[in-house]
Amino acid sequence: MLPLVIQTDSAEGTRNVGEAIGTLARPGDVVLLSGDLGAGKTQLVKGIAQALGVPEPVTSPTFNIMLVHEGRIRLYHVDLYRLEHSDELEDIDYFGTLEADGIVVVEWGDRFPEAAPPDHLLVELHICGDAEREIKVAALGEKAARLMAGLESAVRGLAGAWIVGESA
């Protein structure tokens, strides 16, 4: 399946894409985020959290490594930026978290590709202007393919976001 390419024109547009993902996500879904520093990974997670009904503010867990947010579905928000070796994934129970009862969103999910679960949605965010972002979404596995198919439909009605390349 070819990637879905979405463009947004603001932080709000990026959050709207995240909200669409959160609306479609089910327990057991894993979303790995990668891309440029400052491209909007946390903004995307804020949108996911909003769709899940998370009441507290969502911030990057860079120093905490993992934050758990309660909503209609539990959100595990992981940030691998500060980890230096894949051995450290065991220390934070990363693999147990991937099998948990909620939705797992991993910022810098490309840092340890060997640790990626076989079924996940890969979302790459890139800066392409002051506020514009390009978001490439690829699905690996059946659950991720379901999520990506729903996202393709959902983006067509979003404010501040549009599809610039479609999956096959």
N, C-alpha and C. Protein backbone atom coordinates (compact mmCIF):
# COMPACT_ATOMS: atom_id res chain seq x y z
N MET A 1 0.85 -1.18 0.00
CA MET A 1 0.00 0.00 0.00
C MET A 1 0.89 1.24 0.00
N LEU A 2 0.67 2.12 -0.94
CA LEU A 2 1.44 3.36 -1.03
C LEU A 2 1.03 4.31 0.10
N PRO A 3 1.91 5.21 0.47
CA PRO A 3 1.55 6.14 1.55
C PRO A 3 0.47 7.13 1.13
N LEU A 4 -0.24 7.58 2.12
CA LEU A 4 -1.20 8.67 1.98
C LEU A 4 -0.43 9.94 2.34
N VAL A 5 -0.49 10.96 1.50
CA VAL A 5 0.24 12.20 1.76
C VAL A 5 -0.77 13.31 2.01
N ILE A 6 -0.65 13.92 3.19
CA ILE A 6 -1.57 14.97 3.63
C ILE A 6 -0.77 16.24 3.84
N GLN A 7 -1.33 17.36 3.51
CA GLN A 7 -0.69 18.64 3.81
C GLN A 7 -1.60 19.42 4.74
N THR A 8 -0.99 20.11 5.71
CA THR A 8 -1.74 20.97 6.62
C THR A 8 -1.18 22.38 6.53
N ASP A 9 -2.01 23.36 6.89
CA ASP A 9 -1.57 24.75 6.78
C ASP A 9 -1.38 25.43 8.12
N SER A 10 -1.49 24.67 9.21
CA SER A 10 -1.36 25.26 10.54
C SER A 10 -1.24 24.16 11.59
N ALA A 11 -0.88 24.57 12.82
CA ALA A 11 -0.85 23.62 13.93
C ALA A 11 -2.25 23.04 14.14
N GLU A 12 -3.27 23.88 13.95
CA GLU A 12 -4.65 23.40 14.09
C GLU A 12 -4.97 22.33 13.05
N GLY A 13 -4.51 22.51 11.83
CA GLY A 13 -4.72 21.51 10.79
C GLY A 13 -4.06 20.18 11.15
N THR A 14 -2.85 20.26 11.72
CA THR A 14 -2.15 19.06 12.15
C THR A 14 -2.91 18.38 13.29
N ARG A 15 -3.40 19.18 14.26
CA ARG A 15 -4.21 18.61 15.35
C ARG A 15 -5.48 17.97 14.78
N ASN A 16 -6.07 18.57 13.76
CA ASN A 16 -7.28 18.00 13.15
C ASN A 16 -7.00 16.62 12.54
N VAL A 17 -5.83 16.45 11.93
CA VAL A 17 -5.46 15.14 11.40
C VAL A 17 -5.32 14.16 12.57
N GLY A 18 -4.70 14.60 13.65
CA GLY A 18 -4.58 13.75 14.85
C GLY A 18 -5.94 13.39 15.41
N GLU A 19 -6.85 14.35 15.42
CA GLU A 19 -8.19 14.07 15.93
C GLU A 19 -8.88 13.02 15.06
N ALA A 20 -8.68 13.08 13.76
CA ALA A 20 -9.26 12.06 12.87
C ALA A 20 -8.69 10.68 13.19
N ILE A 21 -7.38 10.61 13.44
CA ILE A 21 -6.76 9.34 13.82
C ILE A 21 -7.36 8.84 15.13
N GLY A 22 -7.47 9.73 16.11
CA GLY A 22 -8.02 9.36 17.41
C GLY A 22 -9.46 8.89 17.35
N THR A 23 -10.23 9.48 16.47
CA THR A 23 -11.64 9.08 16.30
C THR A 23 -11.73 7.67 15.74
N LEU A 24 -10.81 7.32 14.86
CA LEU A 24 -10.82 6.02 14.19
C LEU A 24 -10.11 4.92 14.97
N ALA A 25 -9.21 5.31 15.86
CA ALA A 25 -8.35 4.34 16.56
C ALA A 25 -9.15 3.45 17.51
N ARG A 26 -8.64 2.24 17.66
CA ARG A 26 -9.21 1.25 18.56
C ARG A 26 -8.13 0.74 19.51
N PRO A 27 -8.53 0.19 20.65
CA PRO A 27 -7.52 -0.40 21.54
C PRO A 27 -6.64 -1.39 20.78
N GLY A 28 -5.34 -1.30 21.03
CA GLY A 28 -4.38 -2.16 20.35
C GLY A 28 -3.73 -1.51 19.15
N ASP A 29 -4.23 -0.35 18.71
CA ASP A 29 -3.60 0.35 17.59
C ASP A 29 -2.31 1.02 18.05
N VAL A 30 -1.31 0.97 17.19
CA VAL A 30 -0.01 1.59 17.46
C VAL A 30 0.30 2.56 16.33
N VAL A 31 0.68 3.79 16.70
CA VAL A 31 1.04 4.82 15.74
C VAL A 31 2.46 5.27 16.05
N LEU A 32 3.37 5.08 15.10
CA LEU A 32 4.75 5.51 15.25
C LEU A 32 4.94 6.81 14.49
N LEU A 33 5.42 7.84 15.19
CA LEU A 33 5.63 9.15 14.59
C LEU A 33 7.12 9.38 14.36
N SER A 34 7.44 10.00 13.24
CA SER A 34 8.82 10.38 12.96
C SER A 34 8.79 11.68 12.18
N GLY A 35 9.98 12.23 11.93
CA GLY A 35 10.05 13.43 11.12
C GLY A 35 10.91 14.50 11.74
N ASP A 36 10.80 15.68 11.16
CA ASP A 36 11.63 16.81 11.56
C ASP A 36 11.35 17.23 13.01
N LEU A 37 12.38 17.71 13.66
CA LEU A 37 12.22 18.31 14.99
C LEU A 37 11.34 19.55 14.83
N GLY A 38 10.30 19.65 15.62
CA GLY A 38 9.39 20.80 15.55
C GLY A 38 8.35 20.71 14.44
N ALA A 39 8.19 19.54 13.84
CA ALA A 39 7.25 19.39 12.72
C ALA A 39 5.80 19.21 13.16
N GLY A 40 5.57 18.96 14.44
CA GLY A 40 4.18 18.85 14.89
C GLY A 40 3.77 17.49 15.43
N LYS A 41 4.75 16.67 15.81
CA LYS A 41 4.41 15.35 16.35
C LYS A 41 3.52 15.48 17.58
N THR A 42 3.88 16.37 18.49
CA THR A 42 3.07 16.55 19.70
C THR A 42 1.72 17.18 19.36
N GLN A 43 1.66 18.06 18.37
CA GLN A 43 0.37 18.62 17.95
C GLN A 43 -0.55 17.50 17.46
N LEU A 44 0.00 16.57 16.70
CA LEU A 44 -0.79 15.45 16.22
C LEU A 44 -1.31 14.63 17.40
N VAL A 45 -0.46 14.39 18.39
CA VAL A 45 -0.89 13.63 19.57
C VAL A 45 -1.96 14.40 20.35
N LYS A 46 -1.85 15.71 20.41
CA LYS A 46 -2.90 16.50 21.07
C LYS A 46 -4.25 16.28 20.41
N GLY A 47 -4.27 16.18 19.09
CA GLY A 47 -5.51 15.91 18.37
C GLY A 47 -6.04 14.52 18.68
N ILE A 48 -5.15 13.53 18.73
CA ILE A 48 -5.56 12.17 19.08
C ILE A 48 -6.17 12.17 20.47
N ALA A 49 -5.50 12.83 21.42
CA ALA A 49 -5.98 12.89 22.80
C ALA A 49 -7.35 13.57 22.88
N GLN A 50 -7.53 14.62 22.12
CA GLN A 50 -8.82 15.32 22.11
C GLN A 50 -9.93 14.38 21.67
N ALA A 51 -9.68 13.61 20.62
CA ALA A 51 -10.69 12.68 20.12
C ALA A 51 -10.98 11.58 21.14
N LEU A 52 -9.99 11.25 21.96
CA LEU A 52 -10.17 10.20 22.97
C LEU A 52 -10.79 10.74 24.25
N GLY A 53 -11.03 12.04 24.31
CA GLY A 53 -11.65 12.63 25.49
C GLY A 53 -10.69 12.79 26.66
N VAL A 54 -9.41 12.93 26.38
CA VAL A 54 -8.42 13.14 27.45
C VAL A 54 -8.63 14.55 28.00
N PRO A 55 -8.90 14.68 29.32
CA PRO A 55 -9.24 16.00 29.86
C PRO A 55 -8.04 16.90 30.14
N GLU A 56 -6.87 16.33 30.45
CA GLU A 56 -5.73 17.16 30.82
C GLU A 56 -4.93 17.60 29.59
N PRO A 57 -4.13 18.64 29.74
CA PRO A 57 -3.28 19.08 28.62
C PRO A 57 -2.27 17.99 28.27
N VAL A 58 -1.98 17.86 27.00
CA VAL A 58 -1.02 16.88 26.52
C VAL A 58 0.24 17.62 26.12
N THR A 59 1.36 17.18 26.69
CA THR A 59 2.66 17.75 26.36
C THR A 59 3.58 16.62 25.93
N SER A 60 4.69 16.98 25.33
CA SER A 60 5.65 15.97 24.91
C SER A 60 6.26 15.30 26.13
N PRO A 61 6.31 13.96 26.13
CA PRO A 61 6.91 13.26 27.26
C PRO A 61 8.42 13.09 27.13
N THR A 62 9.10 14.06 26.53
CA THR A 62 10.53 13.93 26.27
C THR A 62 11.32 13.54 27.51
N PHE A 63 11.05 14.18 28.63
CA PHE A 63 11.82 13.89 29.84
C PHE A 63 11.20 12.76 30.66
N ASN A 64 9.91 12.53 30.52
CA ASN A 64 9.24 11.43 31.23
C ASN A 64 9.36 10.12 30.47
N ILE A 65 9.62 10.17 29.20
CA ILE A 65 9.67 9.07 28.25
C ILE A 65 8.27 8.54 27.93
N MET A 66 7.43 8.34 28.96
CA MET A 66 6.08 7.85 28.69
C MET A 66 5.08 8.51 29.64
N LEU A 67 3.96 8.94 29.06
CA LEU A 67 2.84 9.47 29.84
C LEU A 67 1.61 8.66 29.46
N VAL A 68 0.77 8.39 30.45
CA VAL A 68 -0.47 7.66 30.22
C VAL A 68 -1.62 8.61 30.49
N HIS A 69 -2.51 8.73 29.52
CA HIS A 69 -3.66 9.63 29.63
C HIS A 69 -4.94 8.80 29.60
N GLU A 70 -5.84 9.10 30.52
CA GLU A 70 -7.12 8.40 30.56
C GLU A 70 -8.15 9.16 29.73
N GLY A 71 -8.84 8.44 28.88
CA GLY A 71 -9.93 8.98 28.07
C GLY A 71 -10.90 7.85 27.81
N ARG A 72 -11.70 7.96 26.76
CA ARG A 72 -12.61 6.86 26.45
C ARG A 72 -11.83 5.60 26.14
N ILE A 73 -10.63 5.77 25.63
CA ILE A 73 -9.63 4.71 25.47
C ILE A 73 -8.34 5.27 26.05
N ARG A 74 -7.61 4.47 26.80
CA ARG A 74 -6.34 4.91 27.39
C ARG A 74 -5.33 5.22 26.28
N LEU A 75 -4.62 6.33 26.43
CA LEU A 75 -3.60 6.76 25.48
C LEU A 75 -2.23 6.65 26.14
N TYR A 76 -1.37 5.84 25.54
CA TYR A 76 0.02 5.73 25.97
C TYR A 76 0.84 6.59 25.02
N HIS A 77 1.44 7.65 25.55
CA HIS A 77 2.20 8.61 24.75
C HIS A 77 3.68 8.44 25.11
N VAL A 78 4.44 7.92 24.17
CA VAL A 78 5.84 7.57 24.39
C VAL A 78 6.72 8.47 23.53
N ASP A 79 7.87 8.86 24.07
CA ASP A 79 8.83 9.66 23.32
C ASP A 79 10.20 8.99 23.45
N LEU A 80 10.74 8.50 22.35
CA LEU A 80 12.01 7.78 22.37
C LEU A 80 13.22 8.68 22.09
N TYR A 81 13.02 9.98 21.98
CA TYR A 81 14.08 10.90 21.58
C TYR A 81 15.32 10.80 22.47
N ARG A 82 15.13 10.68 23.77
CA ARG A 82 16.25 10.71 24.71
C ARG A 82 16.90 9.35 24.93
N LEU A 83 16.34 8.29 24.40
CA LEU A 83 16.94 6.97 24.57
C LEU A 83 18.10 6.82 23.60
N GLU A 84 19.18 6.21 24.09
CA GLU A 84 20.37 6.06 23.26
C GLU A 84 20.53 4.66 22.69
N HIS A 85 20.01 3.66 23.40
CA HIS A 85 20.19 2.27 22.98
C HIS A 85 18.87 1.52 23.09
N SER A 86 18.68 0.57 22.21
CA SER A 86 17.43 -0.21 22.22
C SER A 86 17.27 -1.01 23.51
N ASP A 87 18.36 -1.28 24.21
CA ASP A 87 18.27 -1.99 25.50
C ASP A 87 17.41 -1.21 26.50
N GLU A 88 17.38 0.11 26.35
CA GLU A 88 16.61 0.95 27.27
C GLU A 88 15.10 0.77 27.11
N LEU A 89 14.67 0.20 26.00
CA LEU A 89 13.25 -0.04 25.79
C LEU A 89 12.69 -0.99 26.83
N GLU A 90 13.49 -1.95 27.25
CA GLU A 90 13.07 -2.89 28.30
C GLU A 90 12.85 -2.14 29.62
N ASP A 91 13.69 -1.16 29.89
CA ASP A 91 13.60 -0.40 31.15
C ASP A 91 12.29 0.36 31.28
N ILE A 92 11.72 0.76 30.15
CA ILE A 92 10.46 1.53 30.21
C ILE A 92 9.24 0.65 29.90
N ASP A 93 9.45 -0.67 29.81
CA ASP A 93 8.39 -1.63 29.49
C ASP A 93 7.72 -1.28 28.15
N TYR A 94 8.53 -0.91 27.19
CA TYR A 94 8.03 -0.53 25.88
C TYR A 94 7.22 -1.66 25.23
N PHE A 95 7.75 -2.87 25.28
CA PHE A 95 7.09 -3.98 24.60
C PHE A 95 5.79 -4.36 25.30
N GLY A 96 5.75 -4.26 26.62
CA GLY A 96 4.51 -4.47 27.34
C GLY A 96 3.48 -3.41 27.00
N THR A 97 3.93 -2.18 26.84
CA THR A 97 3.04 -1.08 26.48
C THR A 97 2.43 -1.30 25.10
N LEU A 98 3.21 -1.82 24.16
CA LEU A 98 2.70 -2.08 22.82
C LEU A 98 1.56 -3.09 22.83
N GLU A 99 1.51 -3.91 23.85
CA GLU A 99 0.47 -4.93 23.96
C GLU A 99 -0.62 -4.52 24.95
N ALA A 100 -0.60 -3.29 25.40
CA ALA A 100 -1.54 -2.82 26.43
C ALA A 100 -2.94 -2.63 25.86
N ASP A 101 -3.83 -2.22 26.72
CA ASP A 101 -5.25 -2.12 26.40
C ASP A 101 -5.67 -0.79 25.79
N GLY A 102 -4.75 0.01 25.36
CA GLY A 102 -5.11 1.32 24.82
C GLY A 102 -4.52 1.54 23.45
N ILE A 103 -4.37 2.81 23.13
CA ILE A 103 -3.74 3.24 21.88
C ILE A 103 -2.35 3.73 22.23
N VAL A 104 -1.35 3.28 21.50
CA VAL A 104 0.03 3.67 21.77
C VAL A 104 0.50 4.58 20.64
N VAL A 105 0.96 5.77 21.03
CA VAL A 105 1.53 6.72 20.06
C VAL A 105 2.96 6.99 20.48
N VAL A 106 3.90 6.75 19.56
CA VAL A 106 5.32 6.84 19.88
C VAL A 106 5.97 7.94 19.05
N GLU A 107 6.39 9.01 19.72
CA GLU A 107 7.17 10.04 19.04
C GLU A 107 8.59 9.51 18.86
N TRP A 108 9.19 9.81 17.73
CA TRP A 108 10.51 9.32 17.36
C TRP A 108 10.50 7.79 17.29
N GLY A 109 9.39 7.25 16.79
CA GLY A 109 9.21 5.81 16.68
C GLY A 109 10.14 5.14 15.70
N ASP A 110 10.87 5.92 14.92
CA ASP A 110 11.82 5.36 13.96
C ASP A 110 13.22 5.19 14.54
N ARG A 111 13.43 5.58 15.79
CA ARG A 111 14.77 5.50 16.39
C ARG A 111 15.28 4.06 16.51
N PHE A 112 14.36 3.14 16.76
CA PHE A 112 14.74 1.74 16.92
C PHE A 112 13.83 0.89 16.02
N PRO A 113 14.08 0.88 14.71
CA PRO A 113 13.18 0.19 13.78
C PRO A 113 13.00 -1.29 14.10
N GLU A 114 14.02 -1.90 14.69
CA GLU A 114 13.92 -3.32 15.03
C GLU A 114 12.88 -3.58 16.13
N ALA A 115 12.47 -2.53 16.83
CA ALA A 115 11.51 -2.66 17.93
C ALA A 115 10.07 -2.34 17.48
N ALA A 116 9.89 -1.99 16.23
CA ALA A 116 8.55 -1.65 15.74
C ALA A 116 7.68 -2.91 15.72
N PRO A 117 6.44 -2.79 16.18
CA PRO A 117 5.56 -3.95 16.11
C PRO A 117 5.21 -4.25 14.65
N PRO A 118 4.82 -5.48 14.35
CA PRO A 118 4.53 -5.82 12.95
C PRO A 118 3.32 -5.10 12.37
N ASP A 119 2.41 -4.65 13.23
CA ASP A 119 1.21 -3.95 12.77
C ASP A 119 1.22 -2.55 13.38
N HIS A 120 1.46 -1.55 12.56
CA HIS A 120 1.47 -0.17 13.06
C HIS A 120 1.24 0.82 11.92
N LEU A 121 0.78 1.99 12.31
CA LEU A 121 0.63 3.10 11.38
C LEU A 121 1.88 3.95 11.52
N LEU A 122 2.58 4.19 10.44
CA LEU A 122 3.77 5.03 10.45
C LEU A 122 3.39 6.40 9.91
N VAL A 123 3.64 7.44 10.71
CA VAL A 123 3.27 8.80 10.33
C VAL A 123 4.54 9.65 10.37
N GLU A 124 4.94 10.19 9.22
CA GLU A 124 6.11 11.06 9.11
C GLU A 124 5.64 12.48 8.92
N LEU A 125 6.16 13.40 9.74
CA LEU A 125 5.79 14.82 9.63
C LEU A 125 7.02 15.62 9.19
N HIS A 126 6.81 16.46 8.20
CA HIS A 126 7.91 17.28 7.68
C HIS A 126 7.47 18.73 7.54
N ILE A 127 8.39 19.63 7.85
CA ILE A 127 8.15 21.06 7.72
C ILE A 127 8.31 21.42 6.25
N CYS A 128 7.32 22.13 5.70
CA CYS A 128 7.44 22.56 4.30
C CYS A 128 7.04 24.03 4.14
N GLY A 129 7.13 24.80 5.21
CA GLY A 129 6.82 26.23 5.21
C GLY A 129 6.71 26.69 6.65
N ASP A 130 6.39 27.96 6.87
CA ASP A 130 6.30 28.47 8.23
C ASP A 130 5.33 27.66 9.08
N ALA A 131 4.14 27.44 8.59
CA ALA A 131 3.13 26.70 9.34
C ALA A 131 2.70 25.43 8.60
N GLU A 132 3.14 25.27 7.35
CA GLU A 132 2.71 24.13 6.55
C GLU A 132 3.50 22.88 6.91
N ARG A 133 2.79 21.77 6.91
CA ARG A 133 3.41 20.48 7.20
C ARG A 133 2.95 19.46 6.18
N GLU A 134 3.85 18.55 5.84
CA GLU A 134 3.50 17.40 5.03
C GLU A 134 3.49 16.19 5.95
N ILE A 135 2.42 15.42 5.88
CA ILE A 135 2.25 14.26 6.74
C ILE A 135 2.09 13.04 5.84
N LYS A 136 3.07 12.13 5.89
CA LYS A 136 3.00 10.89 5.12
C LYS A 136 2.56 9.78 6.06
N VAL A 137 1.55 9.04 5.63
CA VAL A 137 1.00 7.98 6.46
C VAL A 137 1.12 6.66 5.69
N ALA A 138 1.71 5.66 6.33
CA ALA A 138 1.84 4.33 5.73
C ALA A 138 1.34 3.30 6.74
N ALA A 139 0.72 2.26 6.23
CA ALA A 139 0.18 1.21 7.09
C ALA A 139 0.98 -0.07 6.92
N LEU A 140 1.34 -0.66 8.04
CA LEU A 140 1.97 -1.97 8.03
C LEU A 140 1.09 -2.88 8.88
N GLY A 141 0.39 -3.79 8.26
CA GLY A 141 -0.49 -4.70 8.96
C GLY A 141 -1.95 -4.37 8.74
N GLU A 142 -2.81 -5.31 9.11
CA GLU A 142 -4.24 -5.19 8.86
C GLU A 142 -4.91 -4.08 9.68
N LYS A 143 -4.59 -4.00 10.98
CA LYS A 143 -5.21 -2.96 11.81
C LYS A 143 -4.81 -1.58 11.32
N ALA A 144 -3.55 -1.43 10.97
CA ALA A 144 -3.07 -0.14 10.48
C ALA A 144 -3.70 0.21 9.13
N ALA A 145 -3.91 -0.79 8.29
CA ALA A 145 -4.55 -0.55 6.98
C ALA A 145 -5.98 -0.07 7.18
N ARG A 146 -6.69 -0.64 8.15
CA ARG A 146 -8.05 -0.19 8.46
C ARG A 146 -8.03 1.27 8.91
N LEU A 147 -7.09 1.59 9.77
CA LEU A 147 -6.97 2.95 10.30
C LEU A 147 -6.64 3.93 9.18
N MET A 148 -5.73 3.56 8.30
CA MET A 148 -5.34 4.45 7.20
C MET A 148 -6.49 4.64 6.21
N ALA A 149 -7.24 3.60 5.91
CA ALA A 149 -8.37 3.73 4.99
C ALA A 149 -9.41 4.70 5.55
N GLY A 150 -9.68 4.60 6.85
CA GLY A 150 -10.61 5.53 7.48
C GLY A 150 -10.08 6.95 7.48
N LEU A 151 -8.78 7.09 7.69
CA LEU A 151 -8.15 8.41 7.72
C LEU A 151 -8.26 9.08 6.35
N GLU A 152 -8.06 8.31 5.30
CA GLU A 152 -8.15 8.88 3.95
C GLU A 152 -9.53 9.50 3.72
N SER A 153 -10.57 8.84 4.17
CA SER A 153 -11.93 9.39 4.04
C SER A 153 -12.13 10.59 4.95
N ALA A 154 -11.65 10.50 6.18
CA ALA A 154 -11.87 11.55 7.17
C ALA A 154 -11.18 12.86 6.79
N VAL A 155 -9.99 12.78 6.20
CA VAL A 155 -9.24 13.99 5.87
C VAL A 155 -9.97 14.84 4.85
N ARG A 156 -10.75 14.24 4.01
CA ARG A 156 -11.47 14.99 2.96
C ARG A 156 -12.41 16.05 3.54
N GLY A 157 -12.82 15.91 4.80
CA GLY A 157 -13.71 16.90 5.39
C GLY A 157 -13.07 17.77 6.45
N LEU A 158 -11.75 17.71 6.59
CA LEU A 158 -11.09 18.45 7.67
C LEU A 158 -10.75 19.89 7.27
N ALA A 159 -10.83 20.76 8.24
CA ALA A 159 -10.36 22.14 8.06
C ALA A 159 -8.84 22.15 8.18
N GLY A 160 -8.20 22.85 7.26
CA GLY A 160 -6.75 23.05 7.34
C GLY A 160 -5.92 21.87 6.92
N ALA A 161 -6.53 20.85 6.29
CA ALA A 161 -5.78 19.67 5.85
C ALA A 161 -6.37 19.16 4.55
N TRP A 162 -5.53 18.65 3.66
CA TRP A 162 -5.99 18.10 2.40
C TRP A 162 -5.02 17.05 1.92
N ILE A 163 -5.51 16.15 1.08
CA ILE A 163 -4.69 15.07 0.54
C ILE A 163 -3.97 15.59 -0.70
N VAL A 164 -2.66 15.34 -0.75
CA VAL A 164 -1.89 15.72 -1.93
C VAL A 164 -1.36 14.51 -2.68
N GLY A 165 -1.45 13.34 -2.07
CA GLY A 165 -1.05 12.09 -2.71
C GLY A 165 -1.86 10.98 -2.08
N GLU A 166 -2.33 10.07 -2.90
CA GLU A 166 -3.23 9.04 -2.38
C GLU A 166 -2.60 7.67 -2.39
N SER A 167 -3.07 6.85 -1.47
CA SER A 167 -2.62 5.47 -1.42
C SER A 167 -3.27 4.69 -2.55
N ALA A 168 -2.66 3.56 -2.85
CA ALA A 168 -3.21 2.72 -3.92
C ALA A 168 -4.02 1.60 -3.34
